Protein backbone atom coordinates (compact mmCIF):
# COMPACT_ATOMS: atom_id res chain seq x y z
CA UNK A 1 148.31 -89.82 141.20
CA UNK A 2 148.33 -93.06 139.22
CA UNK A 3 149.49 -93.20 135.59
CA UNK A 4 149.46 -95.99 133.02
CA UNK A 5 151.68 -95.57 129.97
CA UNK A 6 150.32 -96.93 126.69
CA UNK A 7 152.64 -99.22 124.72
CA UNK A 8 153.90 -96.28 122.63
CA UNK A 9 155.14 -94.24 125.59
CA UNK A 10 158.84 -94.46 126.45
CA UNK A 11 159.39 -96.26 129.77
CA UNK A 12 161.39 -93.21 130.91
CA UNK A 13 158.06 -91.41 131.37
CA UNK A 14 156.92 -93.92 134.00
CA UNK A 15 160.32 -93.68 135.67
CA UNK A 16 160.16 -89.88 135.80
CA UNK A 17 156.65 -89.99 137.27
CA UNK A 18 157.79 -92.44 139.96
CA UNK A 19 160.69 -90.11 140.79
CA UNK A 20 158.14 -87.34 141.28
CA UNK A 21 156.24 -89.50 143.79
CA UNK A 22 153.46 -90.86 141.58
CA UNK A 23 152.45 -94.44 140.89
CA UNK A 24 153.23 -95.24 137.26
CA UNK A 25 153.45 -98.39 135.19
CA UNK A 26 153.32 -99.42 131.57
CA UNK A 27 150.62 -101.34 129.71
CA UNK A 28 153.22 -104.08 129.20
CA UNK A 29 153.85 -104.31 132.96
CA UNK A 30 150.08 -104.76 133.39
CA UNK A 31 150.08 -107.55 130.77
CA UNK A 32 148.19 -105.35 128.31
CA UNK A 33 150.78 -104.62 125.62
CA UNK A 34 148.49 -106.09 122.93
CA UNK A 35 145.18 -105.02 124.45
CA UNK A 36 142.55 -103.30 122.35
CA UNK A 37 142.07 -99.58 123.03
CA UNK A 38 138.72 -100.13 124.76
CA UNK A 39 140.16 -102.86 127.00
CA UNK A 40 143.01 -100.59 128.01
CA UNK A 41 140.55 -97.79 128.76
CA UNK A 42 138.48 -100.10 130.97
CA UNK A 43 141.62 -101.26 132.82
CA UNK A 44 142.88 -97.72 133.41
CA UNK A 45 139.46 -96.51 134.62
CA UNK A 46 139.25 -99.49 136.97
CA UNK A 47 142.59 -98.50 138.47
CA UNK A 48 141.48 -94.84 138.82
CA UNK A 49 144.54 -93.91 136.77
CA UNK A 50 145.44 -91.48 134.00
CA UNK A 51 146.34 -92.99 130.64
CA UNK A 52 149.29 -91.50 128.77
CA UNK A 53 149.51 -92.12 125.01
CA UNK A 54 151.04 -90.85 121.77
CA UNK A 55 148.43 -92.71 119.72
CA UNK A 56 146.37 -90.36 117.55
CA UNK A 57 143.93 -93.10 116.52
CA UNK A 58 143.30 -93.85 120.19
CA UNK A 59 143.00 -90.19 121.15
CA UNK A 60 140.67 -88.77 118.53
CA UNK A 61 137.51 -90.70 119.53
CA UNK A 62 138.25 -90.15 123.23
CA UNK A 63 138.52 -86.42 122.68
CA UNK A 64 134.93 -86.41 121.41
CA UNK A 65 133.57 -89.01 123.83
CA UNK A 66 135.55 -88.59 127.03
CA UNK A 67 135.82 -91.61 129.30
CA UNK A 68 138.41 -91.63 132.04
CA UNK A 69 141.45 -89.38 132.01
CA UNK A 70 143.51 -89.91 128.87
CA UNK A 71 146.40 -87.58 128.13
CA UNK A 72 147.56 -87.40 124.52
CA UNK A 73 151.22 -86.41 124.43
CA UNK A 74 151.69 -84.70 121.08
CA UNK A 75 155.47 -84.81 120.84
CA UNK A 76 158.33 -87.08 119.87
CA UNK A 77 158.69 -90.10 122.15
CA UNK A 78 162.03 -88.90 123.51
CA UNK A 79 160.48 -85.54 124.50
CA UNK A 80 157.53 -87.01 126.42
CA UNK A 81 159.05 -87.17 129.92
CA UNK A 82 160.17 -83.53 129.85
CA UNK A 83 156.95 -82.30 128.22
CA UNK A 84 154.79 -84.00 130.83
CA UNK A 85 157.01 -82.80 133.68
CA UNK A 86 156.75 -79.22 132.34
CA UNK A 87 152.93 -79.29 132.56
CA UNK A 88 152.33 -81.68 135.45
CA UNK A 89 151.89 -79.03 138.16
CA UNK A 90 149.13 -77.40 136.10
CA UNK A 91 147.48 -80.70 135.18
CA UNK A 92 147.34 -82.38 138.59
CA UNK A 93 144.59 -80.15 140.07
CA UNK A 94 142.50 -80.69 136.94
CA UNK A 95 143.02 -84.45 136.99
CA UNK A 96 142.25 -84.65 140.71
CA UNK A 97 139.01 -82.68 140.43
CA UNK A 98 137.46 -84.16 137.29
CA UNK A 99 136.12 -87.66 136.69
CA UNK A 100 136.24 -87.65 132.88
CA UNK A 101 138.62 -85.32 131.07
CA UNK A 102 140.70 -85.54 127.91
CA UNK A 103 143.94 -83.55 127.79
CA UNK A 104 146.09 -82.91 124.74
CA UNK A 105 149.61 -81.75 125.65
CA UNK A 106 152.15 -80.26 123.24
CA UNK A 107 155.02 -77.79 123.38
CA UNK A 108 152.46 -75.02 122.80
CA UNK A 109 150.59 -75.96 126.00
CA UNK A 110 147.56 -78.11 126.69
CA UNK A 111 143.91 -78.31 125.71
CA UNK A 112 141.11 -79.85 127.75
CA UNK A 113 137.91 -81.52 126.59
CA UNK A 114 135.10 -82.83 128.73
CA UNK A 115 132.63 -83.27 125.87
CA UNK A 116 130.48 -86.21 124.97
CA UNK A 117 129.33 -85.61 121.41
């Protein structure tokens, strides 16, 4: 699976994903550290990747109007790598089988939205 980490995601997350055998890079590595949210979404969709973010302002509209596969990590930055690793086995089948899906992940578990409202 391919993952792109938004500018607010600790680079350790990309490193952990690579250790687990996935392709992962940061928005900064893609030259998109200052890109607008919509530009980042277009880039990630073009790469057939999952976008990881902590950004609530980015996530809220995408939860209602799902485009691509954004995952909103609702935790402290330093907890993100472990939180994602804890749920990754459950999330991979969903991400592999769905074109457009929004996932919110927290210590309580995860929620999925496929809505376009």
